[in-house]
Amino acid sequence: MDKKLVVKMIKNCFKQYYETDSLPISEQDLDLLVNRILQTKGEEPAANLYEVVNDVIYEYLTN
């Protein structure tokens, strides 16, 4: 799976919660989110990538 696609999806997902174009997380957190999304998608190949990204971002923001 393309890491650049996942990063782009993460940035788009954050736009739902923040009005600015800048990403409100560090590069380390971004890498952590990308790895978590790719791991989840690897464990559940039938899962919709869009839903996985949204679930992981929501979990990140609520914790």
PDB file of N, CA and C in Angstrom:
ATOM      1  N   MET A   1       0.849  -1.176   0.000  1.00  0.00           N
ATOM      2  CA  MET A   1       0.000   0.000   0.000  1.00  0.00           C
ATOM      3  C   MET A   1       0.895   1.240   0.000  1.00  0.00           C
ATOM      4  N   ASP A   2       0.442   2.259  -0.663  1.00  0.00           N
ATOM      5  CA  ASP A   2       1.226   3.472  -0.827  1.00  0.00           C
ATOM      6  C   ASP A   2       1.132   4.355   0.419  1.00  0.00           C
ATOM      7  N   LYS A   3       2.270   4.606   1.033  1.00  0.00           N
ATOM      8  CA  LYS A   3       2.324   5.418   2.248  1.00  0.00           C
ATOM      9  C   LYS A   3       1.882   6.861   1.964  1.00  0.00           C
ATOM     10  N   LYS A   4       2.209   7.365   0.780  1.00  0.00           N
ATOM     11  CA  LYS A   4       1.832   8.737   0.428  1.00  0.00           C
ATOM     12  C   LYS A   4       0.314   8.896   0.383  1.00  0.00           C
ATOM     13  N   LEU A   5      -0.367   7.875  -0.098  1.00  0.00           N
ATOM     14  CA  LEU A   5      -1.831   7.909  -0.143  1.00  0.00           C
ATOM     15  C   LEU A   5      -2.405   7.979   1.269  1.00  0.00           C
ATOM     16  N   VAL A   6      -1.847   7.183   2.165  1.00  0.00           N
ATOM     17  CA  VAL A   6      -2.332   7.167   3.547  1.00  0.00           C
ATOM     18  C   VAL A   6      -2.084   8.520   4.212  1.00  0.00           C
ATOM     19  N   VAL A   7      -0.927   9.117   3.984  1.00  0.00           N
ATOM     20  CA  VAL A   7      -0.627  10.441   4.554  1.00  0.00           C
ATOM     21  C   VAL A   7      -1.620  11.474   4.030  1.00  0.00           C
ATOM     22  N   LYS A   8      -1.903  11.421   2.745  1.00  0.00           N
ATOM     23  CA  LYS A   8      -2.865  12.353   2.149  1.00  0.00           C
ATOM     24  C   LYS A   8      -4.258  12.158   2.758  1.00  0.00           C
ATOM     25  N   MET A   9      -4.638  10.913   2.972  1.00  0.00           N
ATOM     26  CA  MET A   9      -5.941  10.628   3.579  1.00  0.00           C
ATOM     27  C   MET A   9      -5.989  11.128   5.031  1.00  0.00           C
ATOM     28  N   ILE A  10      -4.888  10.991   5.742  1.00  0.00           N
ATOM     29  CA  ILE A  10      -4.825  11.484   7.124  1.00  0.00           C
ATOM     30  C   ILE A  10      -4.999  12.995   7.139  1.00  0.00           C
ATOM     31  N   LYS A  11      -4.291  13.689   6.254  1.00  0.00           N
ATOM     32  CA  LYS A  11      -4.394  15.149   6.194  1.00  0.00           C
ATOM     33  C   LYS A  11      -5.818  15.581   5.867  1.00  0.00           C
ATOM     34  N   ASN A  12      -6.455  14.886   4.937  1.00  0.00           N
ATOM     35  CA  ASN A  12      -7.844  15.214   4.591  1.00  0.00           C
ATOM     36  C   ASN A  12      -8.782  14.939   5.759  1.00  0.00           C
ATOM     37  N   CYS A  13      -8.520  13.898   6.492  1.00  0.00           N
ATOM     38  CA  CYS A  13      -9.357  13.567   7.641  1.00  0.00           C
ATOM     39  C   CYS A  13      -9.233  14.630   8.732  1.00  0.00           C
ATOM     40  N   PHE A  14      -8.026  15.134   8.949  1.00  0.00           N
ATOM     41  CA  PHE A  14      -7.829  16.171   9.960  1.00  0.00           C
ATOM     42  C   PHE A  14      -8.555  17.458   9.586  1.00  0.00           C
ATOM     43  N   LYS A  15      -8.791  17.686   8.316  1.00  0.00           N
ATOM     44  CA  LYS A  15      -9.503  18.894   7.887  1.00  0.00           C
ATOM     45  C   LYS A  15     -10.937  18.910   8.412  1.00  0.00           C
ATOM     46  N   GLN A  16     -11.481  17.757   8.733  1.00  0.00           N
ATOM     47  CA  GLN A  16     -12.819  17.686   9.317  1.00  0.00           C
ATOM     48  C   GLN A  16     -12.840  18.303  10.717  1.00  0.00           C
ATOM     49  N   TYR A  17     -11.693  18.203  11.404  1.00  0.00           N
ATOM     50  CA  TYR A  17     -11.628  18.624  12.793  1.00  0.00           C
ATOM     51  C   TYR A  17     -10.948  19.981  12.982  1.00  0.00           C
ATOM     52  N   TYR A  18     -10.093  20.359  12.051  1.00  0.00           N
ATOM     53  CA  TYR A  18      -9.345  21.616  12.155  1.00  0.00           C
ATOM     54  C   TYR A  18      -9.514  22.408  10.868  1.00  0.00           C
ATOM     55  N   GLU A  19      -9.693  23.702  10.997  1.00  0.00           N
ATOM     56  CA  GLU A  19      -9.931  24.549   9.831  1.00  0.00           C
ATOM     57  C   GLU A  19      -8.654  24.929   9.101  1.00  0.00           C
ATOM     58  N   THR A  20      -7.528  24.888   9.756  1.00  0.00           N
ATOM     59  CA  THR A  20      -6.282  25.291   9.117  1.00  0.00           C
ATOM     60  C   THR A  20      -5.768  24.199   8.190  1.00  0.00           C
ATOM     61  N   ASP A  21      -4.908  24.590   7.265  1.00  0.00           N
ATOM     62  CA  ASP A  21      -4.329  23.620   6.339  1.00  0.00           C
ATOM     63  C   ASP A  21      -3.145  22.876   6.934  1.00  0.00           C
ATOM     64  N   SER A  22      -2.593  23.406   8.007  1.00  0.00           N
ATOM     65  CA  SER A  22      -1.443  22.752   8.610  1.00  0.00           C
ATOM     66  C   SER A  22      -1.892  21.537   9.420  1.00  0.00           C
ATOM     67  N   LEU A  23      -1.016  20.579   9.511  1.00  0.00           N
ATOM     68  CA  LEU A  23      -1.297  19.351  10.239  1.00  0.00           C
ATOM     69  C   LEU A  23      -0.960  19.568  11.712  1.00  0.00           C
ATOM     70  N   PRO A  24      -1.919  19.377  12.620  1.00  0.00           N
ATOM     71  CA  PRO A  24      -1.702  19.695  14.037  1.00  0.00           C
ATOM     72  C   PRO A  24      -0.962  18.606  14.823  1.00  0.00           C
ATOM     73  N   ILE A  25      -0.180  17.775  14.121  1.00  0.00           N
ATOM     74  CA  ILE A  25       0.559  16.716  14.808  1.00  0.00           C
ATOM     75  C   ILE A  25       2.007  16.726  14.331  1.00  0.00           C
ATOM     76  N   SER A  26       2.865  16.103  15.104  1.00  0.00           N
ATOM     77  CA  SER A  26       4.287  16.037  14.753  1.00  0.00           C
ATOM     78  C   SER A  26       4.524  14.948  13.705  1.00  0.00           C
ATOM     79  N   GLU A  27       5.709  14.974  13.121  1.00  0.00           N
ATOM     80  CA  GLU A  27       6.074  13.946  12.135  1.00  0.00           C
ATOM     81  C   GLU A  27       6.104  12.564  12.772  1.00  0.00           C
ATOM     82  N   GLN A  28       6.522  12.495  14.035  1.00  0.00           N
ATOM     83  CA  GLN A  28       6.560  11.211  14.743  1.00  0.00           C
ATOM     84  C   GLN A  28       5.154  10.650  14.899  1.00  0.00           C
ATOM     85  N   ASP A  29       4.215  11.504  15.291  1.00  0.00           N
ATOM     86  CA  ASP A  29       2.836  11.056  15.439  1.00  0.00           C
ATOM     87  C   ASP A  29       2.247  10.660  14.088  1.00  0.00           C
ATOM     88  N   LEU A  30       2.600  11.397  13.046  1.00  0.00           N
ATOM     89  CA  LEU A  30       2.116  11.067  11.705  1.00  0.00           C
ATOM     90  C   LEU A  30       2.608   9.687  11.295  1.00  0.00           C
ATOM     91  N   ASP A  31       3.892   9.404  11.521  1.00  0.00           N
ATOM     92  CA  ASP A  31       4.441   8.082  11.204  1.00  0.00           C
ATOM     93  C   ASP A  31       3.753   6.999  12.020  1.00  0.00           C
ATOM     94  N   LEU A  32       3.481   7.292  13.283  1.00  0.00           N
ATOM     95  CA  LEU A  32       2.793   6.338  14.151  1.00  0.00           C
ATOM     96  C   LEU A  32       1.397   6.032  13.609  1.00  0.00           C
ATOM     97  N   LEU A  33       0.675   7.072  13.191  1.00  0.00           N
ATOM     98  CA  LEU A  33      -0.671   6.884  12.638  1.00  0.00           C
ATOM     99  C   LEU A  33      -0.629   6.085  11.339  1.00  0.00           C
ATOM    100  N   VAL A  34       0.326   6.412  10.471  1.00  0.00           N
ATOM    101  CA  VAL A  34       0.458   5.691   9.202  1.00  0.00           C
ATOM    102  C   VAL A  34       0.714   4.213   9.476  1.00  0.00           C
ATOM    103  N   ASN A  35       1.638   3.923  10.389  1.00  0.00           N
ATOM    104  CA  ASN A  35       1.952   2.531  10.709  1.00  0.00           C
ATOM    105  C   ASN A  35       0.745   1.802  11.302  1.00  0.00           C
ATOM    106  N   ARG A  36      -0.001   2.485  12.160  1.00  0.00           N
ATOM    107  CA  ARG A  36      -1.188   1.867  12.760  1.00  0.00           C
ATOM    108  C   ARG A  36      -2.244   1.572  11.695  1.00  0.00           C
ATOM    109  N   ILE A  37      -2.417   2.494  10.764  1.00  0.00           N
ATOM    110  CA  ILE A  37      -3.396   2.302   9.688  1.00  0.00           C
ATOM    111  C   ILE A  37      -2.977   1.149   8.793  1.00  0.00           C
ATOM    112  N   LEU A  38      -1.700   1.116   8.413  1.00  0.00           N
ATOM    113  CA  LEU A  38      -1.221   0.040   7.546  1.00  0.00           C
ATOM    114  C   LEU A  38      -1.293  -1.311   8.246  1.00  0.00           C
ATOM    115  N   GLN A  39      -1.019  -1.342   9.544  1.00  0.00           N
ATOM    116  CA  GLN A  39      -1.111  -2.588  10.298  1.00  0.00           C
ATOM    117  C   GLN A  39      -2.555  -3.071  10.362  1.00  0.00           C
ATOM    118  N   THR A  40      -3.472  -2.168  10.649  1.00  0.00           N
ATOM    119  CA  THR A  40      -4.890  -2.533  10.717  1.00  0.00           C
ATOM    120  C   THR A  40      -5.376  -3.037   9.373  1.00  0.00           C
ATOM    121  N   LYS A  41      -4.992  -2.355   8.322  1.00  0.00           N
ATOM    122  CA  LYS A  41      -5.403  -2.761   6.973  1.00  0.00           C
ATOM    123  C   LYS A  41      -4.795  -4.117   6.611  1.00  0.00           C
ATOM    124  N   GLY A  42      -3.568  -4.366   7.063  1.00  0.00           N
ATOM    125  CA  GLY A  42      -2.927  -5.661   6.816  1.00  0.00           C
ATOM    126  C   GLY A  42      -3.616  -6.793   7.553  1.00  0.00           C
ATOM    127  N   GLU A  43      -4.095  -6.510   8.769  1.00  0.00           N
ATOM    128  CA  GLU A  43      -4.782  -7.529   9.559  1.00  0.00           C
ATOM    129  C   GLU A  43      -6.193  -7.771   9.060  1.00  0.00           C
ATOM    130  N   GLU A  44      -6.794  -6.738   8.476  1.00  0.00           N
ATOM    131  CA  GLU A  44      -8.170  -6.840   7.972  1.00  0.00           C
ATOM    132  C   GLU A  44      -8.211  -6.363   6.511  1.00  0.00           C
ATOM    133  N   PRO A  45      -7.779  -7.217   5.579  1.00  0.00           N
ATOM    134  CA  PRO A  45      -7.693  -6.798   4.174  1.00  0.00           C
ATOM    135  C   PRO A  45      -9.041  -6.381   3.573  1.00  0.00           C
ATOM    136  N   ALA A  46     -10.124  -6.883   4.102  1.00  0.00           N
ATOM    137  CA  ALA A  46     -11.437  -6.543   3.556  1.00  0.00           C
ATOM    138  C   ALA A  46     -11.948  -5.194   4.066  1.00  0.00           C
ATOM    139  N   ALA A  47     -11.267  -4.626   5.059  1.00  0.00           N
ATOM    140  CA  ALA A  47     -11.706  -3.352   5.637  1.00  0.00           C
ATOM    141  C   ALA A  47     -11.516  -2.228   4.630  1.00  0.00           C
ATOM    142  N   ASN A  48     -12.421  -1.283   4.658  1.00  0.00           N
ATOM    143  CA  ASN A  48     -12.356  -0.115   3.789  1.00  0.00           C
ATOM    144  C   ASN A  48     -11.276   0.818   4.331  1.00  0.00           C
ATOM    145  N   LEU A  49     -10.321   1.203   3.488  1.00  0.00           N
ATOM    146  CA  LEU A  49      -9.211   2.055   3.924  1.00  0.00           C
ATOM    147  C   LEU A  49      -9.711   3.385   4.466  1.00  0.00           C
ATOM    148  N   TYR A  50     -10.702   3.966   3.827  1.00  0.00           N
ATOM    149  CA  TYR A  50     -11.270   5.241   4.273  1.00  0.00           C
ATOM    150  C   TYR A  50     -11.796   5.113   5.709  1.00  0.00           C
ATOM    151  N   GLU A  51     -12.490   4.031   6.007  1.00  0.00           N
ATOM    152  CA  GLU A  51     -13.032   3.819   7.345  1.00  0.00           C
ATOM    153  C   GLU A  51     -11.921   3.569   8.373  1.00  0.00           C
ATOM    154  N   VAL A  52     -10.902   2.835   7.962  1.00  0.00           N
ATOM    155  CA  VAL A  52      -9.774   2.575   8.863  1.00  0.00           C
ATOM    156  C   VAL A  52      -9.087   3.881   9.232  1.00  0.00           C
ATOM    157  N   VAL A  53      -8.838   4.738   8.235  1.00  0.00           N
ATOM    158  CA  VAL A  53      -8.198   6.031   8.494  1.00  0.00           C
ATOM    159  C   VAL A  53      -9.053   6.865   9.440  1.00  0.00           C
ATOM    160  N   ASN A  54     -10.335   6.956   9.170  1.00  0.00           N
ATOM    161  CA  ASN A  54     -11.216   7.741  10.034  1.00  0.00           C
ATOM    162  C   ASN A  54     -11.265   7.197  11.449  1.00  0.00           C
ATOM    163  N   ASP A  55     -11.318   5.886  11.596  1.00  0.00           N
ATOM    164  CA  ASP A  55     -11.354   5.276  12.933  1.00  0.00           C
ATOM    165  C   ASP A  55     -10.071   5.561  13.713  1.00  0.00           C
ATOM    166  N   VAL A  56      -8.933   5.420  13.057  1.00  0.00           N
ATOM    167  CA  VAL A  56      -7.650   5.639  13.735  1.00  0.00           C
ATOM    168  C   VAL A  56      -7.491   7.108  14.118  1.00  0.00           C
ATOM    169  N   ILE A  57      -7.870   8.028  13.246  1.00  0.00           N
ATOM    170  CA  ILE A  57      -7.764   9.457  13.555  1.00  0.00           C
ATOM    171  C   ILE A  57      -8.714   9.821  14.691  1.00  0.00           C
ATOM    172  N   TYR A  58      -9.924   9.311  14.655  1.00  0.00           N
ATOM    173  CA  TYR A  58     -10.885   9.592  15.718  1.00  0.00           C
ATOM    174  C   TYR A  58     -10.363   9.081  17.058  1.00  0.00           C
ATOM    175  N   GLU A  59      -9.824   7.870  17.053  1.00  0.00           N
ATOM    176  CA  GLU A  59      -9.254   7.294  18.277  1.00  0.00           C
ATOM    177  C   GLU A  59      -8.090   8.145  18.771  1.00  0.00           C
ATOM    178  N   TYR A  60      -7.238   8.608  17.859  1.00  0.00           N
ATOM    179  CA  TYR A  60      -6.110   9.446  18.228  1.00  0.00           C
ATOM    180  C   TYR A  60      -6.579  10.749  18.874  1.00  0.00           C
ATOM    181  N   LEU A  61      -7.585  11.358  18.313  1.00  0.00           N
ATOM    182  CA  LEU A  61      -8.069  12.651  18.817  1.00  0.00           C
ATOM    183  C   LEU A  61      -8.827  12.533  20.130  1.00  0.00           C
ATOM    184  N   THR A  62      -9.469  11.418  20.372  1.00  0.00           N
ATOM    185  CA  THR A  62     -10.274  11.272  21.576  1.00  0.00           C
ATOM    186  C   THR A  62      -9.483  10.737  22.764  1.00  0.00           C
ATOM    187  N   ASN A  63      -8.261  10.296  22.529  1.00  0.00           N
ATOM    188  CA  ASN A  63      -7.438   9.786  23.643  1.00  0.00           C
ATOM    189  C   ASN A  63      -6.528  10.833  24.173  1.00  0.00           C
TER     190      ASN A  63
END
